[in-house]
C-alpha cells in the first residue's frame, strides 16, 4: 500500500490501544450507580466528554461524541483518497442528526443537540437549514441520502440506516458483511417485532445489500434462507422476537473481531484504518452497555456476557 497511509494506520492502531476493553467494561458494569461507573471512565479517552453528565442519556451521548471526535482526528491523518471512507464511517451520526431534526418539527419549539461532524459531513450543512418536515424531505431527495420515505409506513431512521450501510459497504469492501448482517437483523425486526411490511423505498434502499429474494418471506425461516450468508449467520439460533438482541450482540462481536483482524494487517492502508474504526465503535458500545448495567445496579450485564 502507498506510504501516504502509514501515518493514518499508525494513528488508528494507537487509538485502538487506548480502548477501555472487555475488562474495563466489566468493572464498570459491576458498579451500582451511574456516578460510580463514570468515575472509572474519568481518566480514559471518554473522560473529557463525560464531565458533568447527570444521566445515562447524556453519558451515552458523550461516549458517542468521543468516537466521532476520534474519527475527525483520524481523518486529519489520512490521504485524500480516504475521505470517502471517513465520511461513510461518520454517516451514522449524520443519520442521527437528520432524525433529530425531523423529530424537532413534531415536538414543538425544541432545540435539538446535533453531533458536530465538521469536515465529515456530507449533506448535513444544507439539510440543517430546513425549517419544516416538507423542506427536509425535499432536501433529502436531492442529497446523497435520497428519498427518506416520509409518506410510507417504514420509519425514516430505518431507511436512512440502510442507505448509510450501503454507502459504507460501497467504499469499504471489508465492511460489506457487517452491513449485510445489520440490514438482515433490521429486516427481521420488521417481520418479527413490528410485524410490518417493509416499504418500497426501504426495499429499494436495501437491495444492494440483501437482494430481492427476502422480500417475499412470510416467516423467520423463509427470511433467513433468503438472506446473504452474513445476514443468515447473524440470525442463526433466533427463534423469535425475544432472541433478536442476541443477534445484535453477535453482530457487534463479529465486527469487533474483524476489526482486530484488520488492525493486524501487514501493509498500511484503508483496511487498517477501517479496523481501528470498528474497534473504537465497538468499545464505545461496550462502555454504554456497561454504564446501563451500573445504572440498573445489577452488577452485571447479560448483553456484555453474550459477547465476552
Protein backbone atom coordinates (compact mmCIF):
# COMPACT_ATOMS: atom_id res chain seq x y z
CA UNK A 1 0.00 0.00 0.00
CA UNK A 2 1.14 3.57 -0.62
CA UNK A 3 3.28 5.23 2.01
CA UNK A 4 0.72 8.02 2.43
CA UNK A 5 -1.39 5.62 4.53
CA UNK A 6 1.38 4.92 7.05
CA UNK A 7 0.56 7.79 9.42
CA UNK A 8 -3.16 7.03 9.40
CA UNK A 9 -2.53 3.34 10.06
CA UNK A 10 -0.23 4.09 12.98
CA UNK A 11 -2.75 6.53 14.39
CA UNK A 12 -5.61 4.02 14.08
CA UNK A 13 -3.66 1.38 15.95
CA UNK A 14 -2.68 3.87 18.64
CA UNK A 15 -6.29 4.94 19.18
CA UNK A 16 -7.46 1.33 19.40
CA UNK A 17 -4.88 0.59 22.08
CA UNK A 18 -6.44 3.23 24.33
CA UNK A 19 -9.81 1.48 24.43
CA UNK A 20 -11.46 0.59 27.73
CA UNK A 21 -11.75 -3.01 26.62
CA UNK A 22 -13.63 -6.04 27.92
CA UNK A 23 -12.12 -6.00 31.40
CA UNK A 24 -12.67 -2.29 31.91
CA UNK A 25 -16.28 -2.57 30.75
CA UNK A 26 -16.93 -5.45 33.12
CA UNK A 27 -15.59 -3.41 36.03
CA UNK A 28 -17.91 -0.55 35.09
CA UNK A 29 -20.87 -2.92 34.83
CA UNK A 30 -20.11 -4.19 38.35
CA UNK A 31 -20.72 -0.72 39.82
CA UNK A 32 -24.03 0.22 41.37
CA UNK A 33 -24.71 3.71 40.04
CA UNK A 34 -24.02 5.97 37.10
CA UNK A 35 -21.72 8.08 39.26
CA UNK A 36 -19.57 5.09 40.18
CA UNK A 37 -19.41 3.95 36.58
CA UNK A 38 -18.44 7.39 35.31
CA UNK A 39 -15.71 7.60 37.95
CA UNK A 40 -13.96 4.65 36.30
CA UNK A 41 -14.05 6.47 32.96
CA UNK A 42 -12.61 9.73 34.25
CA UNK A 43 -9.07 9.07 33.05
CA UNK A 44 -9.98 7.24 29.85
CA UNK A 45 -10.35 8.66 26.36
CA UNK A 46 -14.05 9.21 27.13
CA UNK A 47 -13.47 11.22 30.30
CA UNK A 48 -13.35 14.71 28.85
CA UNK A 49 -16.81 14.44 27.29
CA UNK A 50 -18.38 12.84 30.34
CA UNK A 51 -17.71 15.71 32.72
CA UNK A 52 -20.95 16.93 34.26
CA UNK A 53 -23.14 14.15 32.83
CA UNK A 54 -26.10 13.79 35.17
CA UNK A 55 -28.00 10.98 33.49
CA UNK A 56 -27.42 7.96 31.30
CA UNK A 57 -28.64 9.66 28.11
CA UNK A 58 -26.08 12.44 28.49
CA UNK A 59 -23.34 9.93 29.24
CA UNK A 60 -24.20 7.82 26.20
CA UNK A 61 -24.13 10.90 24.02
CA UNK A 62 -20.76 11.87 25.45
CA UNK A 63 -19.38 8.43 24.65
CA UNK A 64 -20.67 8.56 21.08
CA UNK A 65 -19.33 12.10 20.68
CA UNK A 66 -15.93 10.80 21.73
CA UNK A 67 -15.91 8.29 18.89
CA UNK A 68 -16.97 10.98 16.41
CA UNK A 69 -14.12 13.18 17.60
CA UNK A 70 -11.74 10.24 17.14
CA UNK A 71 -12.99 9.86 13.58
CA UNK A 72 -12.41 13.55 12.92
CA UNK A 73 -8.89 13.35 14.33
CA UNK A 74 -8.14 10.21 12.34
CA UNK A 75 -9.46 11.89 9.19
CA UNK A 76 -6.75 14.51 9.59
CA UNK A 77 -4.11 11.83 9.10
CA UNK A 78 -5.47 10.11 6.02
CA UNK A 79 -4.63 10.92 2.40
CA UNK A 80 -7.28 12.45 0.17
CA UNK A 81 -8.21 9.04 -1.18
CA UNK A 82 -9.55 8.10 2.24
CA UNK A 83 -12.07 10.91 2.56
CA UNK A 84 -14.98 8.81 1.30
CA UNK A 85 -14.21 6.10 3.86
CA UNK A 86 -14.18 8.52 6.78
CA UNK A 87 -17.38 10.27 5.69
CA UNK A 88 -19.10 6.93 5.23
CA UNK A 89 -17.95 5.82 8.69
CA UNK A 90 -19.43 9.00 10.17
CA UNK A 91 -22.69 8.55 8.28
CA UNK A 92 -24.45 7.11 11.31
CA UNK A 93 -24.01 10.42 13.11
CA UNK A 94 -25.39 12.38 10.18
CA UNK A 95 -28.36 9.99 10.11
CA UNK A 96 -29.00 10.69 13.79
CA UNK A 97 -28.81 14.43 13.18
CA UNK A 98 -31.40 14.12 10.42
CA UNK A 99 -33.72 12.06 12.62
CA UNK A 100 -33.35 14.55 15.48
CA UNK A 101 -34.12 17.46 13.20
CA UNK A 102 -37.22 15.74 11.82
CA UNK A 103 -38.39 14.96 15.34
CA UNK A 104 -37.95 18.57 16.39
CA UNK A 105 -40.53 19.66 13.83
CA UNK A 106 -43.12 17.43 15.51
CA UNK A 107 -42.04 18.08 19.09
CA UNK A 108 -42.69 21.82 19.09
CA UNK A 109 -40.24 24.58 20.00
CA UNK A 110 -37.23 22.50 20.99
CA UNK A 111 -33.50 22.93 20.47
CA UNK A 112 -32.13 19.54 19.42
CA UNK A 113 -28.47 18.87 20.11
CA UNK A 114 -26.69 17.78 16.96
CA UNK A 115 -23.44 15.90 16.55
CA UNK A 116 -20.64 18.12 15.24
CA UNK A 117 -19.48 16.38 12.07
CA UNK A 118 -17.06 19.03 10.88
CA UNK A 119 -15.48 18.08 7.57
CA UNK A 120 -17.00 14.58 7.77
CA UNK A 121 -20.46 15.91 6.94
CA UNK A 122 -21.92 15.11 3.54
CA UNK A 123 -25.34 16.74 3.18
CA UNK A 124 -25.85 17.90 6.76
CA UNK A 125 -24.83 21.60 6.37
CA UNK A 126 -27.63 22.03 3.83
CA UNK A 127 -30.14 19.73 5.49
CA UNK A 128 -29.95 21.51 8.82
CA UNK A 129 -31.27 24.69 7.20
CA UNK A 130 -34.67 23.04 6.67
CA UNK A 131 -37.47 24.73 8.59
CA UNK A 132 -40.14 22.05 8.22
CA UNK A 133 -40.59 18.37 7.52
CA UNK A 134 -41.52 19.16 3.92
CA UNK A 135 -38.35 21.19 3.41
CA UNK A 136 -36.24 18.45 4.98
CA UNK A 137 -37.80 15.76 2.80
CA UNK A 138 -37.15 17.80 -0.32
CA UNK A 139 -33.57 18.48 0.69
CA UNK A 140 -33.04 14.78 1.37
CA UNK A 141 -34.42 13.77 -2.01
CA UNK A 142 -31.82 15.93 -3.77
CA UNK A 143 -28.98 14.79 -1.49
CA UNK A 144 -26.92 11.61 -1.35
CA UNK A 145 -29.42 10.25 1.15
CA UNK A 146 -32.26 10.27 -1.33
CA UNK A 147 -35.94 9.90 -0.51
CA UNK A 148 -36.38 9.08 3.19
CA UNK A 149 -39.82 7.61 2.61
CA UNK A 150 -41.71 10.11 4.73
CA UNK A 151 -45.02 9.11 3.14
CA UNK A 152 -44.86 5.39 3.90
CA UNK A 153 -45.00 3.17 6.96
CA UNK A 154 -41.29 2.43 7.31
CA UNK A 155 -39.66 4.73 9.87
CA UNK A 156 -37.33 7.35 8.46
CA UNK A 157 -34.47 6.09 10.62
CA UNK A 158 -34.66 2.57 9.15
CA UNK A 159 -34.45 3.87 5.60
CA UNK A 160 -31.58 6.20 6.41
CA UNK A 161 -29.81 3.36 8.20
CA UNK A 162 -29.77 1.04 5.20
CA UNK A 163 -28.73 3.91 2.92
CA UNK A 164 -25.81 4.57 5.26
CA UNK A 165 -24.88 0.88 5.47
CA UNK A 166 -24.97 0.61 1.70
CA UNK A 167 -22.67 3.59 1.38
CA UNK A 168 -20.19 2.10 3.86
CA UNK A 169 -20.21 -1.24 2.07
CA UNK A 170 -19.61 0.50 -1.26
CA UNK A 171 -16.46 2.30 -0.11
CA UNK A 172 -15.06 -0.45 2.18
CA UNK A 173 -15.39 -4.00 0.93
CA UNK A 174 -14.35 -5.42 4.30
CA UNK A 175 -17.38 -3.75 5.88
CA UNK A 176 -19.88 -5.32 3.50
CA UNK A 177 -20.58 -8.41 5.65
CA UNK A 178 -21.29 -6.12 8.62
CA UNK A 179 -23.67 -4.06 6.53
CA UNK A 180 -25.46 -7.15 5.21
CA UNK A 181 -25.82 -8.60 8.70
CA UNK A 182 -27.08 -5.34 10.19
CA UNK A 183 -29.61 -4.96 7.39
CA UNK A 184 -30.76 -8.55 7.83
CA UNK A 185 -31.33 -8.03 11.56
CA UNK A 186 -33.26 -4.87 10.76
CA UNK A 187 -35.46 -6.75 8.29
CA UNK A 188 -36.03 -9.47 10.89
CA UNK A 189 -37.10 -6.86 13.43
CA UNK A 190 -39.68 -5.54 10.98
CA UNK A 191 -41.02 -9.04 10.39
CA UNK A 192 -40.95 -10.35 13.97
CA UNK A 193 -41.37 -7.31 16.21
CA UNK A 194 -43.07 -4.62 14.14
CA UNK A 195 -44.99 -7.20 12.11
CA UNK A 196 -44.93 -4.74 9.25
CA UNK A 197 -44.36 -4.96 5.53
CA UNK A 198 -41.20 -3.07 4.53
CA UNK A 199 -41.99 -0.18 2.25
CA UNK A 200 -40.96 0.04 -1.37
CA UNK A 201 -38.40 2.71 -0.53
CA UNK A 202 -36.85 0.50 2.16
CA UNK A 203 -36.69 -2.46 -0.21
CA UNK A 204 -35.04 -0.35 -2.90
CA UNK A 205 -32.51 1.12 -0.45
CA UNK A 206 -31.53 -2.26 1.00
CA UNK A 207 -31.49 -4.06 -2.37
CA UNK A 208 -27.70 -3.63 -2.92
CA UNK A 209 -27.10 -5.41 0.38
CA UNK A 210 -29.81 -8.06 0.65
CA UNK A 211 -31.06 -8.56 -2.89
CA UNK A 212 -34.75 -9.24 -3.56
CA UNK A 213 -35.35 -12.85 -2.53
CA UNK A 214 -36.06 -11.97 1.11
CA UNK A 215 -38.95 -9.64 0.25
CA UNK A 216 -41.49 -12.44 -0.07
CA UNK A 217 -40.57 -14.15 3.21
CA UNK A 218 -43.63 -14.98 5.31
CA UNK A 219 -41.75 -16.15 8.40
CA UNK A 220 -38.33 -16.18 10.01
CA UNK A 221 -37.16 -19.42 8.39
CA UNK A 222 -38.04 -18.16 4.92
CA UNK A 223 -36.36 -14.84 5.65
CA UNK A 224 -33.19 -16.46 6.92
CA UNK A 225 -32.86 -18.78 3.94
CA UNK A 226 -33.29 -15.87 1.50
CA UNK A 227 -30.63 -13.63 3.03
CA UNK A 228 -26.92 -13.40 2.18
CA UNK A 229 -24.60 -15.55 4.28
CA UNK A 230 -23.50 -12.79 6.68
CA UNK A 231 -27.12 -11.97 7.49
CA UNK A 232 -28.03 -15.65 7.89
CA UNK A 233 -25.16 -16.10 10.32
CA UNK A 234 -26.32 -13.14 12.38
CA UNK A 235 -29.79 -14.68 12.67
CA UNK A 236 -28.75 -18.23 13.47
CA UNK A 237 -30.41 -19.72 16.56
CA UNK A 238 -33.05 -16.97 16.50
CA UNK A 239 -36.49 -18.43 17.16
CA UNK A 240 -38.50 -15.28 17.75
CA UNK A 241 -38.51 -11.61 18.75
CA UNK A 242 -37.05 -12.32 22.19
CA UNK A 243 -33.84 -13.59 20.57
CA UNK A 244 -33.09 -10.65 18.30
CA UNK A 245 -30.98 -8.87 20.91
CA UNK A 246 -28.62 -11.84 20.78
CA UNK A 247 -28.28 -11.38 17.02
CA UNK A 248 -27.40 -7.73 17.54
CA UNK A 249 -24.84 -8.62 20.20
CA UNK A 250 -23.37 -11.36 18.00
CA UNK A 251 -23.07 -8.91 15.13
CA UNK A 252 -21.16 -6.44 17.30
CA UNK A 253 -18.84 -9.17 18.50
CA UNK A 254 -18.18 -10.13 14.89
CA UNK A 255 -17.45 -6.54 13.89
CA UNK A 256 -15.03 -6.21 16.80
CA UNK A 257 -13.22 -9.46 15.98
CA UNK A 258 -12.97 -8.45 12.33
CA UNK A 259 -11.69 -5.04 13.40
CA UNK A 260 -8.85 -6.58 15.39
CA UNK A 261 -8.00 -8.82 12.45
CA UNK A 262 -7.87 -5.84 10.09
CA UNK A 263 -5.67 -3.91 12.53
CA UNK A 264 -3.12 -6.72 12.38
CA UNK A 265 -2.69 -6.25 8.63
CA UNK A 266 0.91 -6.14 7.47
CA UNK A 267 0.60 -3.29 5.00
CA UNK A 268 -0.56 0.24 5.89
CA UNK A 269 -3.79 1.11 4.18
CA UNK A 270 -7.51 1.80 4.47
CA UNK A 271 -8.30 -1.67 5.84
CA UNK A 272 -6.19 -0.99 8.94
CA UNK A 273 -7.97 2.31 9.40
CA UNK A 274 -11.33 0.56 9.00
CA UNK A 275 -10.25 -1.95 11.62
CA UNK A 276 -9.44 0.85 14.02
CA UNK A 277 -12.80 2.49 13.40
CA UNK A 278 -14.60 -0.80 14.09
CA UNK A 279 -12.73 -1.41 17.34
CA UNK A 280 -13.37 2.14 18.57
CA UNK A 281 -17.07 1.91 17.75
CA UNK A 282 -17.50 -1.44 19.47
CA UNK A 283 -15.56 -0.30 22.53
CA UNK A 284 -17.95 2.64 22.87
CA UNK A 285 -20.88 0.23 22.58
CA UNK A 286 -19.44 -1.95 25.35
CA UNK A 287 -18.94 1.05 27.61
CA UNK A 288 -22.51 2.25 27.04
CA UNK A 289 -23.82 -1.23 27.86
CA UNK A 290 -21.65 -1.31 30.98
CA UNK A 291 -22.97 2.04 32.18
CA UNK A 292 -26.51 0.82 31.63
CA UNK A 293 -25.77 -2.14 33.90
CA UNK A 294 -24.26 0.17 36.52
CA UNK A 295 -27.37 2.36 36.45
CA UNK A 296 -29.59 -0.69 36.96
CA UNK A 297 -27.42 -1.77 39.89
CA UNK A 298 -27.45 -5.41 38.85
CA UNK A 299 -23.67 -5.70 38.97
CA UNK A 300 -23.59 -7.50 35.62
CA UNK A 301 -24.79 -7.24 32.04
CA UNK A 302 -26.36 -10.07 30.07
CA UNK A 303 -25.55 -8.17 26.88
CA UNK A 304 -21.85 -7.93 27.76
CA UNK A 305 -21.76 -11.53 28.87
CA UNK A 306 -23.15 -12.54 25.47
CA UNK A 307 -20.14 -11.02 23.68
CA UNK A 308 -17.43 -11.71 26.25
